Amino acid sequence: AVVSTQSTGIPMSIGETAHAEVDKKGSGCSVYDIAINPDYIKTLKTEPAFMNFFLQVVFEGLTAKFSVELEWEWIILKNRTHVGRIKPHVIRTYLKPVNTRTKRK
């Protein structure tokens, strides 16, 4: 199936800034907050292809937004929704209108 990128969006928000945290080895690291719609998380958990696509979008988004070079390795945490402090996000609660007008010749 072909998916139109103009009408399909990923219900997520990338935080405004990175913040410092300590990893499990006690080393400092930069953390980027990403808020994801809970219903979309259910889809991600049941569809590995969606999860891989979503993670690629997240890495590309972080690279573009913060001009950082990231290692493309990840670990999905089990039984944890976050690590460290969660920063506030502004999340739109309405659907963004899609422009359905086409140019007439």
N, C-alpha and C. Protein backbone atom coordinates (compact mmCIF):
# COMPACT_ATOMS: atom_id res chain seq x y z
N ALA A 1 0.84 -1.19 0.00
CA ALA A 1 0.00 0.00 0.00
C ALA A 1 0.87 1.24 0.00
N VAL A 2 0.45 2.22 -0.73
CA VAL A 2 1.18 3.49 -0.80
C VAL A 2 0.60 4.43 0.24
N VAL A 3 1.44 5.04 1.03
CA VAL A 3 1.01 5.96 2.07
C VAL A 3 1.43 7.36 1.68
N SER A 4 0.48 8.29 1.70
CA SER A 4 0.78 9.67 1.36
C SER A 4 1.38 10.37 2.57
N THR A 5 2.55 10.96 2.40
CA THR A 5 3.18 11.65 3.53
C THR A 5 2.50 12.98 3.82
N GLN A 6 1.70 13.49 2.87
CA GLN A 6 1.01 14.75 3.12
C GLN A 6 -0.16 14.57 4.07
N SER A 7 -0.79 13.40 4.05
CA SER A 7 -1.96 13.20 4.90
C SER A 7 -1.69 12.30 6.10
N THR A 8 -0.50 11.73 6.16
CA THR A 8 -0.17 10.83 7.26
C THR A 8 0.88 11.49 8.15
N GLY A 9 0.63 11.48 9.44
CA GLY A 9 1.59 12.04 10.37
C GLY A 9 1.85 11.07 11.49
N ILE A 10 2.95 11.26 12.17
CA ILE A 10 3.25 10.43 13.34
C ILE A 10 2.91 11.26 14.55
N PRO A 11 2.00 10.78 15.40
CA PRO A 11 1.57 11.55 16.56
C PRO A 11 2.63 11.59 17.66
N MET A 12 3.57 12.51 17.51
CA MET A 12 4.66 12.62 18.47
C MET A 12 5.14 14.06 18.55
N SER A 13 5.90 14.34 19.58
CA SER A 13 6.48 15.66 19.77
C SER A 13 7.92 15.48 20.24
N ILE A 14 8.85 16.17 19.57
CA ILE A 14 10.25 16.16 20.01
C ILE A 14 10.45 17.39 20.88
N GLY A 15 10.98 17.20 22.08
CA GLY A 15 11.18 18.29 23.03
C GLY A 15 12.02 19.43 22.48
N GLU A 16 11.98 20.56 23.16
CA GLU A 16 12.66 21.77 22.69
C GLU A 16 14.17 21.75 22.90
N THR A 17 14.64 21.11 23.96
CA THR A 17 16.08 21.10 24.22
C THR A 17 16.51 19.75 24.78
N ALA A 18 17.79 19.48 24.70
CA ALA A 18 18.35 18.29 25.34
C ALA A 18 18.60 18.62 26.81
N HIS A 19 18.64 17.60 27.64
CA HIS A 19 19.02 17.82 29.04
C HIS A 19 19.95 16.71 29.49
N ALA A 20 20.73 17.00 30.49
CA ALA A 20 21.75 16.07 30.98
C ALA A 20 21.13 15.07 31.95
N GLU A 21 21.53 13.82 31.81
CA GLU A 21 21.14 12.75 32.72
C GLU A 21 22.37 11.88 32.96
N VAL A 22 22.24 10.90 33.83
CA VAL A 22 23.30 9.95 34.11
C VAL A 22 22.82 8.58 33.67
N ASP A 23 23.63 7.86 32.86
CA ASP A 23 23.22 6.53 32.40
C ASP A 23 23.46 5.49 33.49
N LYS A 24 23.13 4.22 33.19
CA LYS A 24 23.23 3.18 34.22
C LYS A 24 24.67 2.89 34.65
N LYS A 25 25.66 3.31 33.85
CA LYS A 25 27.06 3.15 34.22
C LYS A 25 27.59 4.33 35.03
N GLY A 26 26.73 5.35 35.21
CA GLY A 26 27.13 6.53 35.97
C GLY A 26 27.77 7.61 35.13
N SER A 27 27.76 7.43 33.82
CA SER A 27 28.34 8.43 32.91
C SER A 27 27.28 9.45 32.52
N GLY A 28 27.71 10.67 32.27
CA GLY A 28 26.80 11.71 31.82
C GLY A 28 26.41 11.50 30.36
N CYS A 29 25.19 11.89 30.03
CA CYS A 29 24.73 11.79 28.65
C CYS A 29 23.66 12.85 28.38
N SER A 30 23.46 13.14 27.11
CA SER A 30 22.40 14.06 26.71
C SER A 30 21.14 13.27 26.42
N VAL A 31 20.00 13.79 26.87
CA VAL A 31 18.72 13.12 26.69
C VAL A 31 17.79 14.03 25.91
N TYR A 32 17.09 13.46 24.95
CA TYR A 32 16.12 14.18 24.14
C TYR A 32 14.75 13.58 24.42
N ASP A 33 13.79 14.40 24.84
CA ASP A 33 12.46 13.91 25.17
C ASP A 33 11.59 13.82 23.92
N ILE A 34 10.86 12.72 23.83
CA ILE A 34 9.92 12.52 22.73
C ILE A 34 8.62 12.02 23.33
N ALA A 35 7.54 12.76 23.10
CA ALA A 35 6.22 12.36 23.58
C ALA A 35 5.50 11.68 22.41
N ILE A 36 4.90 10.52 22.69
CA ILE A 36 4.24 9.73 21.65
C ILE A 36 2.80 9.44 22.09
N ASN A 37 1.88 9.54 21.15
CA ASN A 37 0.48 9.23 21.42
C ASN A 37 0.36 7.78 21.91
N PRO A 38 -0.34 7.54 23.03
CA PRO A 38 -0.44 6.19 23.59
C PRO A 38 -1.05 5.16 22.63
N ASP A 39 -2.02 5.57 21.82
CA ASP A 39 -2.60 4.63 20.85
C ASP A 39 -1.58 4.23 19.79
N TYR A 40 -0.74 5.17 19.40
CA TYR A 40 0.29 4.87 18.41
C TYR A 40 1.34 3.92 18.99
N ILE A 41 1.62 4.05 20.28
CA ILE A 41 2.58 3.14 20.92
C ILE A 41 2.08 1.70 20.82
N LYS A 42 0.78 1.48 20.96
CA LYS A 42 0.22 0.13 20.83
C LYS A 42 0.51 -0.43 19.44
N THR A 43 0.36 0.40 18.42
CA THR A 43 0.66 -0.03 17.05
C THR A 43 2.13 -0.36 16.91
N LEU A 44 2.98 0.48 17.47
CA LEU A 44 4.42 0.26 17.38
C LEU A 44 4.83 -1.06 18.02
N LYS A 45 4.20 -1.39 19.13
CA LYS A 45 4.55 -2.61 19.85
C LYS A 45 4.13 -3.87 19.11
N THR A 46 3.07 -3.77 18.29
CA THR A 46 2.57 -4.96 17.59
C THR A 46 3.09 -5.08 16.16
N GLU A 47 3.64 -4.01 15.61
CA GLU A 47 4.11 -4.02 14.22
C GLU A 47 5.59 -3.63 14.15
N PRO A 48 6.50 -4.61 14.06
CA PRO A 48 7.93 -4.30 14.01
C PRO A 48 8.32 -3.35 12.87
N ALA A 49 7.65 -3.45 11.74
CA ALA A 49 7.98 -2.55 10.62
C ALA A 49 7.67 -1.11 10.98
N PHE A 50 6.54 -0.87 11.65
CA PHE A 50 6.20 0.48 12.08
C PHE A 50 7.22 0.99 13.10
N MET A 51 7.65 0.12 14.01
CA MET A 51 8.63 0.52 15.02
C MET A 51 9.94 0.95 14.36
N ASN A 52 10.41 0.17 13.41
CA ASN A 52 11.66 0.53 12.72
C ASN A 52 11.51 1.85 11.97
N PHE A 53 10.39 2.03 11.27
CA PHE A 53 10.14 3.28 10.56
C PHE A 53 10.08 4.45 11.54
N PHE A 54 9.35 4.27 12.64
CA PHE A 54 9.21 5.32 13.65
C PHE A 54 10.57 5.72 14.21
N LEU A 55 11.41 4.75 14.55
CA LEU A 55 12.72 5.05 15.10
C LEU A 55 13.61 5.78 14.10
N GLN A 56 13.50 5.43 12.83
CA GLN A 56 14.24 6.16 11.81
C GLN A 56 13.78 7.61 11.73
N VAL A 57 12.46 7.82 11.80
CA VAL A 57 11.92 9.19 11.78
C VAL A 57 12.41 9.97 13.00
N VAL A 58 12.42 9.34 14.16
CA VAL A 58 12.89 10.00 15.38
C VAL A 58 14.36 10.39 15.25
N PHE A 59 15.21 9.46 14.80
CA PHE A 59 16.63 9.77 14.66
C PHE A 59 16.85 10.89 13.65
N GLU A 60 16.13 10.85 12.53
CA GLU A 60 16.25 11.92 11.53
C GLU A 60 15.76 13.25 12.10
N GLY A 61 14.67 13.21 12.86
CA GLY A 61 14.13 14.43 13.48
C GLY A 61 15.10 15.04 14.48
N LEU A 62 15.71 14.20 15.31
CA LEU A 62 16.68 14.69 16.29
C LEU A 62 17.91 15.27 15.59
N THR A 63 18.37 14.58 14.55
CA THR A 63 19.53 15.06 13.80
C THR A 63 19.24 16.42 13.17
N ALA A 64 18.07 16.55 12.57
CA ALA A 64 17.70 17.81 11.91
C ALA A 64 17.46 18.94 12.91
N LYS A 65 16.77 18.64 14.01
CA LYS A 65 16.39 19.68 14.97
C LYS A 65 17.58 20.17 15.79
N PHE A 66 18.46 19.27 16.19
CA PHE A 66 19.54 19.64 17.11
C PHE A 66 20.93 19.62 16.48
N SER A 67 21.01 19.32 15.19
CA SER A 67 22.31 19.25 14.49
C SER A 67 23.30 18.37 15.25
N VAL A 68 22.85 17.17 15.61
CA VAL A 68 23.71 16.22 16.32
C VAL A 68 23.90 14.98 15.44
N GLU A 69 25.01 14.31 15.67
CA GLU A 69 25.26 13.05 14.99
C GLU A 69 25.03 11.94 16.01
N LEU A 70 24.10 11.06 15.72
CA LEU A 70 23.71 10.02 16.67
C LEU A 70 24.15 8.64 16.18
N GLU A 71 24.42 7.75 17.12
CA GLU A 71 24.64 6.35 16.78
C GLU A 71 23.27 5.72 16.55
N TRP A 72 23.13 4.97 15.46
CA TRP A 72 21.83 4.39 15.12
C TRP A 72 21.64 3.05 15.82
N GLU A 73 21.79 3.06 17.13
CA GLU A 73 21.55 1.88 17.94
C GLU A 73 20.57 2.28 19.03
N TRP A 74 19.67 1.38 19.36
CA TRP A 74 18.71 1.72 20.39
C TRP A 74 18.32 0.48 21.19
N ILE A 75 17.80 0.74 22.37
CA ILE A 75 17.27 -0.31 23.24
C ILE A 75 15.86 0.12 23.62
N ILE A 76 14.91 -0.76 23.43
CA ILE A 76 13.54 -0.48 23.84
C ILE A 76 13.42 -0.92 25.30
N LEU A 77 13.13 0.03 26.18
CA LEU A 77 13.00 -0.29 27.60
C LEU A 77 11.69 -1.03 27.87
N LYS A 78 11.75 -2.06 28.67
CA LYS A 78 10.55 -2.79 29.05
C LYS A 78 10.09 -2.29 30.41
N ASN A 79 8.81 -2.11 30.56
CA ASN A 79 8.19 -1.69 31.83
C ASN A 79 8.65 -0.32 32.29
N ARG A 80 9.15 0.51 31.38
CA ARG A 80 9.53 1.89 31.73
C ARG A 80 9.04 2.81 30.62
N THR A 81 8.44 3.89 31.01
CA THR A 81 7.97 4.85 30.00
C THR A 81 8.96 5.97 29.79
N HIS A 82 9.90 6.13 30.72
CA HIS A 82 10.88 7.20 30.61
C HIS A 82 12.06 6.94 31.55
N VAL A 83 13.11 7.69 31.33
CA VAL A 83 14.27 7.67 32.21
C VAL A 83 14.55 9.11 32.59
N GLY A 84 14.80 9.37 33.85
CA GLY A 84 15.10 10.74 34.29
C GLY A 84 13.85 11.60 34.38
N ARG A 85 14.07 12.90 34.23
CA ARG A 85 12.97 13.87 34.34
C ARG A 85 12.31 14.09 32.98
N ILE A 86 10.99 14.23 32.98
CA ILE A 86 10.27 14.52 31.75
C ILE A 86 10.05 16.02 31.67
N LYS A 87 10.43 16.61 30.54
CA LYS A 87 10.20 18.04 30.32
C LYS A 87 8.81 18.23 29.73
N PRO A 88 8.18 19.39 29.99
CA PRO A 88 6.84 19.63 29.42
C PRO A 88 6.88 19.72 27.90
N HIS A 89 5.81 19.26 27.27
CA HIS A 89 5.63 19.33 25.82
C HIS A 89 4.33 20.06 25.53
N VAL A 90 4.28 20.75 24.42
CA VAL A 90 3.04 21.33 23.94
C VAL A 90 2.51 20.38 22.87
N ILE A 91 1.36 19.79 23.14
CA ILE A 91 0.80 18.80 22.23
C ILE A 91 -0.55 19.28 21.73
N ARG A 92 -0.68 19.32 20.42
CA ARG A 92 -1.92 19.75 19.78
C ARG A 92 -2.99 18.69 20.05
N THR A 93 -4.18 19.11 20.43
CA THR A 93 -5.26 18.17 20.74
C THR A 93 -6.31 18.14 19.63
N TYR A 94 -6.02 18.71 18.49
CA TYR A 94 -6.95 18.70 17.36
C TYR A 94 -6.18 18.26 16.12
N LEU A 95 -6.92 17.79 15.14
CA LEU A 95 -6.27 17.38 13.90
C LEU A 95 -5.91 18.58 13.06
N LYS A 96 -4.73 18.56 12.51
CA LYS A 96 -4.29 19.62 11.62
C LYS A 96 -5.01 19.43 10.28
N PRO A 97 -5.64 20.48 9.75
CA PRO A 97 -6.35 20.30 8.49
C PRO A 97 -5.40 19.97 7.35
N VAL A 98 -5.85 19.12 6.46
CA VAL A 98 -5.06 18.72 5.29
C VAL A 98 -5.58 19.50 4.10
N ASN A 99 -4.68 20.11 3.34
CA ASN A 99 -5.07 20.88 2.17
C ASN A 99 -5.45 19.90 1.06
N THR A 100 -6.73 19.86 0.70
CA THR A 100 -7.18 18.94 -0.33
C THR A 100 -7.42 19.62 -1.66
N ARG A 101 -7.14 20.91 -1.73
CA ARG A 101 -7.31 21.64 -2.98
C ARG A 101 -6.23 21.25 -3.98
N THR A 102 -6.64 21.18 -5.22
CA THR A 102 -5.69 20.91 -6.29
C THR A 102 -5.78 22.03 -7.30
N LYS A 103 -4.69 22.28 -7.97
CA LYS A 103 -4.67 23.33 -8.99
C LYS A 103 -5.44 22.87 -10.21
N ARG A 104 -6.23 23.76 -10.74
CA ARG A 104 -6.95 23.48 -11.98
C ARG A 104 -6.18 24.06 -13.14
N LYS A 105 -6.16 23.35 -14.22
CA LYS A 105 -5.45 23.83 -15.41
C LYS A 105 -6.39 24.54 -16.34
